PDB file of all heavy atoms in Angstrom:
ATOM      1  N   ARG A   1     160.645  19.705 209.355  1.00  0.00           N
ATOM      2  CA  ARG A   1     161.010  18.878 208.196  1.00  0.00           C
ATOM      3  C   ARG A   1     160.654  17.428 208.485  1.00  0.00           C
ATOM      4  O   ARG A   1     160.718  16.989 209.631  1.00  0.00           O
ATOM      5  CB  ARG A   1     162.514  18.967 207.924  1.00  0.00           C
ATOM      6  CG  ARG A   1     163.076  20.361 207.812  1.00  0.00           C
ATOM      7  CD  ARG A   1     162.889  21.045 206.512  1.00  0.00           C
ATOM      8  NE  ARG A   1     163.459  20.302 205.402  1.00  0.00           N
ATOM      9  CZ  ARG A   1     163.107  20.484 204.142  1.00  0.00           C
ATOM     10  NH1 ARG A   1     162.206  21.379 203.832  1.00  0.00           N
ATOM     11  NH2 ARG A   1     163.662  19.790 203.181  1.00  0.00           N
ATOM     12  N   TRP A   2     160.287  16.707 207.428  1.00  0.00           N
ATOM     13  CA  TRP A   2     160.020  15.280 207.558  1.00  0.00           C
ATOM     14  C   TRP A   2     160.855  14.506 206.547  1.00  0.00           C
ATOM     15  O   TRP A   2     161.229  15.030 205.500  1.00  0.00           O
ATOM     16  CB  TRP A   2     158.527  14.970 207.367  1.00  0.00           C
ATOM     17  CG  TRP A   2     157.988  15.244 205.983  1.00  0.00           C
ATOM     18  CD1 TRP A   2     157.485  16.440 205.525  1.00  0.00           C
ATOM     19  CD2 TRP A   2     157.906  14.340 204.886  1.00  0.00           C
ATOM     20  NE1 TRP A   2     157.106  16.320 204.221  1.00  0.00           N
ATOM     21  CE2 TRP A   2     157.348  15.041 203.786  1.00  0.00           C
ATOM     22  CE3 TRP A   2     158.254  13.007 204.717  1.00  0.00           C
ATOM     23  CZ2 TRP A   2     157.131  14.445 202.559  1.00  0.00           C
ATOM     24  CZ3 TRP A   2     158.033  12.421 203.483  1.00  0.00           C
ATOM     25  CH2 TRP A   2     157.473  13.136 202.419  1.00  0.00           C
ATOM     26  N   THR A   3     161.174  13.267 206.905  1.00  0.00           N
ATOM     27  CA  THR A   3     161.833  12.335 205.989  1.00  0.00           C
ATOM     28  C   THR A   3     161.112  10.997 206.119  1.00  0.00           C
ATOM     29  O   THR A   3     160.455  10.726 207.127  1.00  0.00           O
ATOM     30  CB  THR A   3     163.334  12.152 206.307  1.00  0.00           C
ATOM     31  OG1 THR A   3     163.477  11.737 207.661  1.00  0.00           O
ATOM     32  CG2 THR A   3     164.109  13.448 206.088  1.00  0.00           C
ATOM     33  N   SER A   4     161.270  10.158 205.088  1.00  0.00           N
ATOM     34  CA  SER A   4     160.479   8.924 205.087  1.00  0.00           C
ATOM     35  C   SER A   4     161.251   7.683 204.670  1.00  0.00           C
ATOM     36  O   SER A   4     160.704   6.807 204.029  1.00  0.00           O
ATOM     37  CB  SER A   4     159.268   9.092 204.177  1.00  0.00           C
ATOM     38  OG  SER A   4     159.681   9.273 202.839  1.00  0.00           O
ATOM     39  N   SER A   5     162.502   7.601 205.030  1.00  0.00           N
ATOM     40  CA  SER A   5     163.224   6.398 204.644  1.00  0.00           C
ATOM     41  C   SER A   5     164.193   5.999 205.748  1.00  0.00           C
ATOM     42  O   SER A   5     165.066   6.789 206.090  1.00  0.00           O
ATOM     43  CB  SER A   5     163.989   6.642 203.351  1.00  0.00           C
ATOM     44  OG  SER A   5     164.631   5.482 202.915  1.00  0.00           O
ATOM     45  N   PRO A   6     164.052   4.844 206.328  1.00  0.00           N
ATOM     46  CA  PRO A   6     163.031   3.820 206.091  1.00  0.00           C
ATOM     47  C   PRO A   6     161.783   4.026 206.938  1.00  0.00           C
ATOM     48  O   PRO A   6     160.782   3.344 206.769  1.00  0.00           O
ATOM     49  CB  PRO A   6     163.724   2.523 206.487  1.00  0.00           C
ATOM     50  CG  PRO A   6     164.623   2.930 207.607  1.00  0.00           C
ATOM     51  CD  PRO A   6     165.073   4.351 207.260  1.00  0.00           C
ATOM     52  N   SER A   7     161.806   4.963 207.906  1.00  0.00           N
ATOM     53  CA  SER A   7     160.642   5.240 208.740  1.00  0.00           C
ATOM     54  C   SER A   7     160.276   6.714 208.568  1.00  0.00           C
ATOM     55  O   SER A   7     160.991   7.459 207.912  1.00  0.00           O
ATOM     56  CB  SER A   7     160.956   4.905 210.196  1.00  0.00           C
ATOM     57  OG  SER A   7     162.137   5.564 210.591  1.00  0.00           O
ATOM     58  N   LEU A   8     159.156   7.118 209.140  1.00  0.00           N
ATOM     59  CA  LEU A   8     158.715   8.507 209.021  1.00  0.00           C
ATOM     60  C   LEU A   8     159.239   9.295 210.219  1.00  0.00           C
ATOM     61  O   LEU A   8     158.971   8.956 211.372  1.00  0.00           O
ATOM     62  CB  LEU A   8     157.193   8.560 208.963  1.00  0.00           C
ATOM     63  CG  LEU A   8     156.551   9.906 208.664  1.00  0.00           C
ATOM     64  CD1 LEU A   8     157.064  10.488 207.350  1.00  0.00           C
ATOM     65  CD2 LEU A   8     155.039   9.765 208.610  1.00  0.00           C
ATOM     66  N   LYS A   9     160.038  10.332 209.934  1.00  0.00           N
ATOM     67  CA  LYS A   9     160.664  11.121 210.990  1.00  0.00           C
ATOM     68  C   LYS A   9     160.228  12.578 210.865  1.00  0.00           C
ATOM     69  O   LYS A   9     160.231  13.145 209.776  1.00  0.00           O
ATOM     70  CB  LYS A   9     162.186  11.029 210.883  1.00  0.00           C
ATOM     71  CG  LYS A   9     162.917  11.853 211.934  1.00  0.00           C
ATOM     72  CD  LYS A   9     164.398  11.523 211.986  1.00  0.00           C
ATOM     73  CE  LYS A   9     165.184  12.377 211.067  1.00  0.00           C
ATOM     74  NZ  LYS A   9     166.651  12.232 211.239  1.00  0.00           N
ATOM     75  N   PHE A  10     159.847  13.152 212.006  1.00  0.00           N
ATOM     76  CA  PHE A  10     159.478  14.569 212.091  1.00  0.00           C
ATOM     77  C   PHE A  10     160.506  15.284 212.952  1.00  0.00           C
ATOM     78  O   PHE A  10     160.756  14.885 214.095  1.00  0.00           O
ATOM     79  CB  PHE A  10     158.103  14.738 212.742  1.00  0.00           C
ATOM     80  CG  PHE A  10     156.970  14.171 211.937  1.00  0.00           C
ATOM     81  CD1 PHE A  10     156.500  12.889 212.192  1.00  0.00           C
ATOM     82  CD2 PHE A  10     156.377  14.907 210.934  1.00  0.00           C
ATOM     83  CE1 PHE A  10     155.460  12.355 211.467  1.00  0.00           C
ATOM     84  CE2 PHE A  10     155.344  14.382 210.194  1.00  0.00           C
ATOM     85  CZ  PHE A  10     154.875  13.108 210.453  1.00  0.00           C
ATOM     86  N   GLU A  11     161.090  16.355 212.403  1.00  0.00           N
ATOM     87  CA  GLU A  11     161.994  17.222 213.169  1.00  0.00           C
ATOM     88  C   GLU A  11     161.380  18.609 213.203  1.00  0.00           C
ATOM     89  O   GLU A  11     161.275  19.272 212.162  1.00  0.00           O
ATOM     90  CB  GLU A  11     163.374  17.278 212.521  1.00  0.00           C
ATOM     91  CG  GLU A  11     164.161  16.009 212.694  1.00  0.00           C
ATOM     92  CD  GLU A  11     165.612  16.181 212.291  1.00  0.00           C
ATOM     93  OE1 GLU A  11     166.343  16.912 212.985  1.00  0.00           O
ATOM     94  OE2 GLU A  11     165.991  15.580 211.280  1.00  0.00           O
ATOM     95  N   PHE A  12     160.953  19.030 214.387  1.00  0.00           N
ATOM     96  CA  PHE A  12     160.317  20.335 214.530  1.00  0.00           C
ATOM     97  C   PHE A  12     161.357  21.448 214.519  1.00  0.00           C
ATOM     98  O   PHE A  12     162.409  21.338 215.145  1.00  0.00           O
ATOM     99  CB  PHE A  12     159.536  20.401 215.845  1.00  0.00           C
ATOM    100  CG  PHE A  12     158.232  19.660 215.820  1.00  0.00           C
ATOM    101  CD1 PHE A  12     158.178  18.323 216.181  1.00  0.00           C
ATOM    102  CD2 PHE A  12     157.070  20.298 215.427  1.00  0.00           C
ATOM    103  CE1 PHE A  12     156.975  17.635 216.151  1.00  0.00           C
ATOM    104  CE2 PHE A  12     155.864  19.622 215.400  1.00  0.00           C
ATOM    105  CZ  PHE A  12     155.823  18.280 215.761  1.00  0.00           C
ATOM    106  N   SER A  13     161.038  22.549 213.824  1.00  0.00           N
ATOM    107  CA  SER A  13     161.862  23.756 213.896  1.00  0.00           C
ATOM    108  C   SER A  13     161.191  24.804 214.778  1.00  0.00           C
ATOM    109  O   SER A  13     161.839  25.732 215.253  1.00  0.00           O
ATOM    110  CB  SER A  13     162.117  24.323 212.499  1.00  0.00           C
ATOM    111  OG  SER A  13     160.895  24.589 211.845  1.00  0.00           O
ATOM    112  N   VAL A  14     159.891  24.641 215.009  1.00  0.00           N
ATOM    113  CA  VAL A  14     159.130  25.487 215.928  1.00  0.00           C
ATOM    114  C   VAL A  14     157.959  24.662 216.446  1.00  0.00           C
ATOM    115  O   VAL A  14     157.380  23.856 215.706  1.00  0.00           O
ATOM    116  CB  VAL A  14     158.646  26.802 215.256  1.00  0.00           C
ATOM    117  CG1 VAL A  14     157.655  26.519 214.135  1.00  0.00           C
ATOM    118  CG2 VAL A  14     158.051  27.753 216.269  1.00  0.00           C
ATOM    119  N   LEU A  15     157.622  24.875 217.722  1.00  0.00           N
ATOM    120  CA  LEU A  15     156.482  24.186 218.319  1.00  0.00           C
ATOM    121  C   LEU A  15     155.904  25.094 219.398  1.00  0.00           C
ATOM    122  O   LEU A  15     156.647  25.637 220.226  1.00  0.00           O
ATOM    123  CB  LEU A  15     156.916  22.847 218.922  1.00  0.00           C
ATOM    124  CG  LEU A  15     155.817  21.985 219.525  1.00  0.00           C
ATOM    125  CD1 LEU A  15     154.788  21.570 218.470  1.00  0.00           C
ATOM    126  CD2 LEU A  15     156.428  20.745 220.184  1.00  0.00           C
ATOM    127  N   THR A  16     154.588  25.278 219.367  1.00  0.00           N
ATOM    128  CA  THR A  16     153.915  26.066 220.390  1.00  0.00           C
ATOM    129  C   THR A  16     152.833  25.224 221.056  1.00  0.00           C
ATOM    130  O   THR A  16     152.240  24.338 220.437  1.00  0.00           O
ATOM    131  CB  THR A  16     153.275  27.349 219.819  1.00  0.00           C
ATOM    132  OG1 THR A  16     152.220  27.001 218.918  1.00  0.00           O
ATOM    133  CG2 THR A  16     154.298  28.213 219.103  1.00  0.00           C
ATOM    134  N   HIS A  17     152.601  25.517 222.316  1.00  0.00           N
ATOM    135  CA  HIS A  17     151.521  24.902 223.084  1.00  0.00           C
ATOM    136  C   HIS A  17     150.729  26.033 223.718  1.00  0.00           C
ATOM    137  O   HIS A  17     151.299  26.852 224.447  1.00  0.00           O
ATOM    138  CB  HIS A  17     152.100  23.971 224.158  1.00  0.00           C
ATOM    139  CG  HIS A  17     151.059  23.262 224.944  1.00  0.00           C
ATOM    140  ND1 HIS A  17     150.873  23.493 226.286  1.00  0.00           N
ATOM    141  CD2 HIS A  17     150.147  22.325 224.582  1.00  0.00           C
ATOM    142  CE1 HIS A  17     149.883  22.726 226.719  1.00  0.00           C
ATOM    143  NE2 HIS A  17     149.431  22.012 225.703  1.00  0.00           N
ATOM    144  N   ARG A  18     149.450  26.119 223.354  1.00  0.00           N
ATOM    145  CA  ARG A  18     148.583  27.210 223.814  1.00  0.00           C
ATOM    146  C   ARG A  18     149.182  28.578 223.505  1.00  0.00           C
ATOM    147  O   ARG A  18     149.131  29.501 224.317  1.00  0.00           O
ATOM    148  CB  ARG A  18     148.272  27.074 225.287  1.00  0.00           C
ATOM    149  CG  ARG A  18     147.483  25.835 225.601  1.00  0.00           C
ATOM    150  CD  ARG A  18     146.962  25.817 227.015  1.00  0.00           C
ATOM    151  NE  ARG A  18     146.002  24.736 227.128  1.00  0.00           N
ATOM    152  CZ  ARG A  18     146.069  23.784 228.032  1.00  0.00           C
ATOM    153  NH1 ARG A  18     147.039  23.779 228.928  1.00  0.00           N
ATOM    154  NH2 ARG A  18     145.159  22.844 228.067  1.00  0.00           N
ATOM    155  N   GLY A  19     149.809  28.683 222.336  1.00  0.00           N
ATOM    156  CA  GLY A  19     150.352  29.957 221.875  1.00  0.00           C
ATOM    157  C   GLY A  19     151.733  30.306 222.394  1.00  0.00           C
ATOM    158  O   GLY A  19     152.298  31.317 221.999  1.00  0.00           O
ATOM    159  N   GLU A  20     152.283  29.495 223.272  1.00  0.00           N
ATOM    160  CA  GLU A  20     153.611  29.748 223.839  1.00  0.00           C
ATOM    161  C   GLU A  20     154.636  28.826 223.184  1.00  0.00           C
ATOM    162  O   GLU A  20     154.411  27.624 223.072  1.00  0.00           O
ATOM    163  CB  GLU A  20     153.610  29.500 225.350  1.00  0.00           C
ATOM    164  CG  GLU A  20     152.659  30.378 226.129  1.00  0.00           C
ATOM    165  CD  GLU A  20     153.094  31.834 226.161  1.00  0.00           C
ATOM    166  OE1 GLU A  20     154.319  32.093 226.201  1.00  0.00           O
ATOM    167  OE2 GLU A  20     152.206  32.705 226.134  1.00  0.00           O
ATOM    168  N   VAL A  21     155.770  29.394 222.776  1.00  0.00           N
ATOM    169  CA  VAL A  21     156.844  28.586 222.199  1.00  0.00           C
ATOM    170  C   VAL A  21     157.384  27.665 223.288  1.00  0.00           C
ATOM    171  O   VAL A  21     157.613  28.101 224.423  1.00  0.00           O
ATOM    172  CB  VAL A  21     157.964  29.485 221.635  1.00  0.00           C
ATOM    173  CG1 VAL A  21     159.144  28.660 221.152  1.00  0.00           C
ATOM    174  CG2 VAL A  21     157.424  30.356 220.506  1.00  0.00           C
ATOM    175  N   VAL A  22     157.558  26.383 222.936  1.00  0.00           N
ATOM    176  CA  VAL A  22     158.063  25.395 223.883  1.00  0.00           C
ATOM    177  C   VAL A  22     159.381  24.831 223.356  1.00  0.00           C
ATOM    178  O   VAL A  22     159.675  24.926 222.160  1.00  0.00           O
ATOM    179  CB  VAL A  22     157.037  24.256 224.122  1.00  0.00           C
ATOM    180  CG1 VAL A  22     155.769  24.811 224.756  1.00  0.00           C
ATOM    181  CG2 VAL A  22     156.722  23.514 222.844  1.00  0.00           C
ATOM    182  N   PRO A  23     160.190  24.235 224.233  1.00  0.00           N
ATOM    183  CA  PRO A  23     161.436  23.611 223.772  1.00  0.00           C
ATOM    184  C   PRO A  23     161.127  22.536 222.718  1.00  0.00           C
ATOM    185  O   PRO A  23     160.128  21.818 222.814  1.00  0.00           O
ATOM    186  CB  PRO A  23     162.021  22.990 225.035  1.00  0.00           C
ATOM    187  CG  PRO A  23     161.426  23.774 226.162  1.00  0.00           C
ATOM    188  CD  PRO A  23     160.049  24.145 225.693  1.00  0.00           C
ATOM    189  N   LEU A  24     161.996  22.440 221.737  1.00  0.00           N
ATOM    190  CA  LEU A  24     161.786  21.473 220.668  1.00  0.00           C
ATOM    191  C   LEU A  24     162.022  20.057 221.170  1.00  0.00           C
ATOM    192  O   LEU A  24     163.006  19.795 221.861  1.00  0.00           O
ATOM    193  CB  LEU A  24     162.718  21.767 219.494  1.00  0.00           C
ATOM    194  CG  LEU A  24     162.527  23.133 218.833  1.00  0.00           C
ATOM    195  CD1 LEU A  24     163.553  23.324 217.736  1.00  0.00           C
ATOM    196  CD2 LEU A  24     161.123  23.280 218.286  1.00  0.00           C
ATOM    197  N   PRO A  25     161.114  19.143 220.808  1.00  0.00           N
ATOM    198  CA  PRO A  25     161.338  17.744 221.177  1.00  0.00           C
ATOM    199  C   PRO A  25     162.437  17.138 220.311  1.00  0.00           C
ATOM    200  O   PRO A  25     162.782  17.672 219.249  1.00  0.00           O
ATOM    201  CB  PRO A  25     159.985  17.091 220.887  1.00  0.00           C
ATOM    202  CG  PRO A  25     159.403  17.919 219.787  1.00  0.00           C
ATOM    203  CD  PRO A  25     159.882  19.328 220.050  1.00  0.00           C
ATOM    204  N   ALA A  26     162.955  16.011 220.752  1.00  0.00           N
ATOM    205  CA  ALA A  26     163.880  15.244 219.912  1.00  0.00           C
ATOM    206  C   ALA A  26     163.129  14.827 218.655  1.00  0.00           C
ATOM    207  O   ALA A  26     161.891  14.775 218.647  1.00  0.00           O
ATOM    208  CB  ALA A  26     164.360  14.013 220.678  1.00  0.00           C
ATOM    209  N   PRO A  27     163.851  14.551 217.554  1.00  0.00           N
ATOM    210  CA  PRO A  27     163.162  14.070 216.355  1.00  0.00           C
ATOM    211  C   PRO A  27     162.249  12.884 216.700  1.00  0.00           C
ATOM    212  O   PRO A  27     162.615  12.027 217.516  1.00  0.00           O
ATOM    213  CB  PRO A  27     164.306  13.637 215.438  1.00  0.00           C
ATOM    214  CG  PRO A  27     165.453  14.500 215.865  1.00  0.00           C
ATOM    215  CD  PRO A  27     165.301  14.641 217.359  1.00  0.00           C
ATOM    216  N   MET A  28     161.062  12.884 216.133  1.00  0.00           N
ATOM    217  CA  MET A  28     160.076  11.830 216.381  1.00  0.00           C
ATOM    218  C   MET A  28     160.084  10.874 215.200  1.00  0.00           C
ATOM    219  O   MET A  28     159.876  11.292 214.055  1.00  0.00           O
ATOM    220  CB  MET A  28     158.698  12.442 216.559  1.00  0.00           C
ATOM    221  CG  MET A  28     158.606  13.358 217.750  1.00  0.00           C
ATOM    222  SD  MET A  28     156.963  14.069 217.871  1.00  0.00           S
ATOM    223  CE  MET A  28     157.116  14.980 219.386  1.00  0.00           C
ATOM    224  N   VAL A  29     160.338   9.600 215.487  1.00  0.00           N
ATOM    225  CA  VAL A  29     160.473   8.588 214.443  1.00  0.00           C
ATOM    226  C   VAL A  29     159.379   7.537 214.624  1.00  0.00           C
ATOM    227  O   VAL A  29     159.180   7.038 215.734  1.00  0.00           O
ATOM    228  CB  VAL A  29     161.865   7.928 214.499  1.00  0.00           C
ATOM    229  CG1 VAL A  29     162.011   6.878 213.402  1.00  0.00           C
ATOM    230  CG2 VAL A  29     162.966   8.982 214.389  1.00  0.00           C
ATOM    231  N   PHE A  30     158.697   7.216 213.522  1.00  0.00           N
ATOM    232  CA  PHE A  30     157.580   6.273 213.563  1.00  0.00           C
ATOM    233  C   PHE A  30     157.734   5.208 212.490  1.00  0.00           C
ATOM    234  O   PHE A  30     158.135   5.509 211.367  1.00  0.00           O
ATOM    235  CB  PHE A  30     156.245   6.999 213.301  1.00  0.00           C
ATOM    236  CG  PHE A  30     155.970   8.097 214.271  1.00  0.00           C
ATOM    237  CD1 PHE A  30     156.288   9.407 213.970  1.00  0.00           C
ATOM    238  CD2 PHE A  30     155.390   7.823 215.500  1.00  0.00           C
ATOM    239  CE1 PHE A  30     156.034  10.431 214.863  1.00  0.00           C
ATOM    240  CE2 PHE A  30     155.131   8.841 216.405  1.00  0.00           C
ATOM    241  CZ  PHE A  30     155.459  10.145 216.086  1.00  0.00           C
ATOM    242  N   GLY A  31     157.348   3.993 212.833  1.00  0.00           N
ATOM    243  CA  GLY A  31     157.114   2.984 211.820  1.00  0.00           C
ATOM    244  C   GLY A  31     155.784   3.304 211.155  1.00  0.00           C
ATOM    245  O   GLY A  31     154.927   3.962 211.756  1.00  0.00           O
ATOM    246  N   VAL A  32     155.607   2.872 209.933  1.00  0.00           N
ATOM    247  CA  VAL A  32     154.375   3.175 209.205  1.00  0.00           C
ATOM    248  C   VAL A  32     153.673   1.883 208.834  1.00  0.00           C
ATOM    249  O   VAL A  32     154.292   0.950 208.325  1.00  0.00           O
ATOM    250  CB  VAL A  32     154.677   4.013 207.941  1.00  0.00           C
ATOM    251  CG1 VAL A  32     153.413   4.239 207.129  1.00  0.00           C
ATOM    252  CG2 VAL A  32     155.294   5.343 208.329  1.00  0.00           C
ATOM    253  N   GLU A  33     152.372   1.849 209.128  1.00  0.00           N
ATOM    254  CA  GLU A  33     151.528   0.724 208.768  1.00  0.00           C
ATOM    255  C   GLU A  33     150.467   1.210 207.794  1.00  0.00           C
ATOM    256  O   GLU A  33     150.162   2.392 207.752  1.00  0.00           O
ATOM    257  CB  GLU A  33     150.842   0.149 210.009  1.00  0.00           C
ATOM    258  CG  GLU A  33     151.790  -0.298 211.097  1.00  0.00           C
ATOM    259  CD  GLU A  33     151.040  -0.722 212.347  1.00  0.00           C
ATOM    260  OE1 GLU A  33     149.901  -1.210 212.230  1.00  0.00           O
ATOM    261  OE2 GLU A  33     151.607  -0.551 213.432  1.00  0.00           O
ATOM    262  N   GLY A  34     149.880   0.278 207.062  1.00  0.00           N
ATOM    263  CA  GLY A  34     148.811   0.637 206.144  1.00  0.00           C
ATOM    264  C   GLY A  34     149.343   1.116 204.818  1.00  0.00           C
ATOM    265  O   GLY A  34     150.539   1.030 204.534  1.00  0.00           O
ATOM    266  N   HIS A  35     148.446   1.631 204.008  1.00  0.00           N
ATOM    267  CA  HIS A  35     148.818   2.135 202.688  1.00  0.00           C
ATOM    268  C   HIS A  35     147.690   3.021 202.171  1.00  0.00           C
ATOM    269  O   HIS A  35     146.625   3.105 202.772  1.00  0.00           O
ATOM    270  CB  HIS A  35     149.092   0.970 201.732  1.00  0.00           C
ATOM    271  CG  HIS A  35     147.916   0.079 201.531  1.00  0.00           C
ATOM    272  ND1 HIS A  35     147.589  -0.911 202.423  1.00  0.00           N
ATOM    273  CD2 HIS A  35     146.975   0.057 200.559  1.00  0.00           C
ATOM    274  CE1 HIS A  35     146.506  -1.522 202.001  1.00  0.00           C
ATOM    275  NE2 HIS A  35     146.096  -0.957 200.883  1.00  0.00           N
ATOM    276  N   GLY A  36     147.952   3.664 201.065  1.00  0.00           N
ATOM    277  CA  GLY A  36     146.924   4.508 200.449  1.00  0.00           C
ATOM    278  C   GLY A  36     146.601   5.707 201.303  1.00  0.00           C
ATOM    279  O   GLY A  36     147.488   6.448 201.704  1.00  0.00           O
ATOM    280  N   ASN A  37     145.326   5.875 201.627  1.00  0.00           N
ATOM    281  CA  ASN A  37     144.866   7.057 202.344  1.00  0.00           C
ATOM    282  C   ASN A  37     144.646   6.820 203.833  1.00  0.00           C
ATOM    283  O   ASN A  37     144.024   7.621 204.504  1.00  0.00           O
ATOM    284  CB  ASN A  37     143.582   7.580 201.699  1.00  0.00           C
ATOM    285  CG  ASN A  37     143.848   8.027 200.283  1.00  0.00           C
ATOM    286  OD1 ASN A  37     144.868   8.660 200.012  1.00  0.00           O
ATOM    287  ND2 ASN A  37     142.966   7.688 199.371  1.00  0.00           N
ATOM    288  N   ARG A  38     145.169   5.713 204.339  1.00  0.00           N
ATOM    289  CA  ARG A  38     145.117   5.406 205.770  1.00  0.00           C
ATOM    290  C   ARG A  38     146.515   4.981 206.204  1.00  0.00           C
ATOM    291  O   ARG A  38     147.115   4.076 205.619  1.00  0.00           O
ATOM    292  CB  ARG A  38     144.115   4.285 206.022  1.00  0.00           C
ATOM    293  CG  ARG A  38     143.904   3.983 207.467  1.00  0.00           C
ATOM    294  CD  ARG A  38     142.603   3.166 207.639  1.00  0.00           C
ATOM    295  NE  ARG A  38     142.564   2.445 208.895  1.00  0.00           N
ATOM    296  CZ  ARG A  38     142.303   2.978 210.072  1.00  0.00           C
ATOM    297  NH1 ARG A  38     142.067   4.270 210.158  1.00  0.00           N
ATOM    298  NH2 ARG A  38     142.288   2.247 211.166  1.00  0.00           N
ATOM    299  N   MET A  39     147.051   5.669 207.226  1.00  0.00           N
ATOM    300  CA  MET A  39     148.423   5.429 207.633  1.00  0.00           C
ATOM    301  C   MET A  39     148.487   5.353 209.154  1.00  0.00           C
ATOM    302  O   MET A  39     148.015   6.254 209.852  1.00  0.00           O
ATOM    303  CB  MET A  39     149.310   6.576 207.124  1.00  0.00           C
ATOM    304  CG  MET A  39     150.747   6.516 207.557  1.00  0.00           C
ATOM    305  SD  MET A  39     151.828   7.705 206.705  1.00  0.00           S
ATOM    306  CE  MET A  39     151.135   9.296 207.154  1.00  0.00           C
ATOM    307  N   GLY A  40     149.080   4.275 209.659  1.00  0.00           N
ATOM    308  CA  GLY A  40     149.317   4.138 211.089  1.00  0.00           C
ATOM    309  C   GLY A  40     150.744   4.520 211.415  1.00  0.00           C
ATOM    310  O   GLY A  40     151.685   4.061 210.768  1.00  0.00           O
ATOM    311  N   LEU A  41     150.902   5.387 212.411  1.00  0.00           N
ATOM    312  CA  LEU A  41     152.226   5.788 212.889  1.00  0.00           C
ATOM    313  C   LEU A  41     152.473   5.058 214.195  1.00  0.00           C
ATOM    314  O   LEU A  41     151.793   5.299 215.195  1.00  0.00           O
ATOM    315  CB  LEU A  41     152.279   7.298 213.127  1.00  0.00           C
ATOM    316  CG  LEU A  41     151.922   8.194 211.943  1.00  0.00           C
ATOM    317  CD1 LEU A  41     151.965   9.650 212.364  1.00  0.00           C
ATOM    318  CD2 LEU A  41     152.859   7.940 210.783  1.00  0.00           C
TER     319      LEU A  41
END
């Protein structure tokens, strides 16, 4: 799931690396730069 107020946050419910399920990371929160079709995290 993602949310976008006031920053962009990603919370993984599943994550695999090379086909193997890995422990879920903490929610990842980013400031956002740019606008339109170009976005800096």
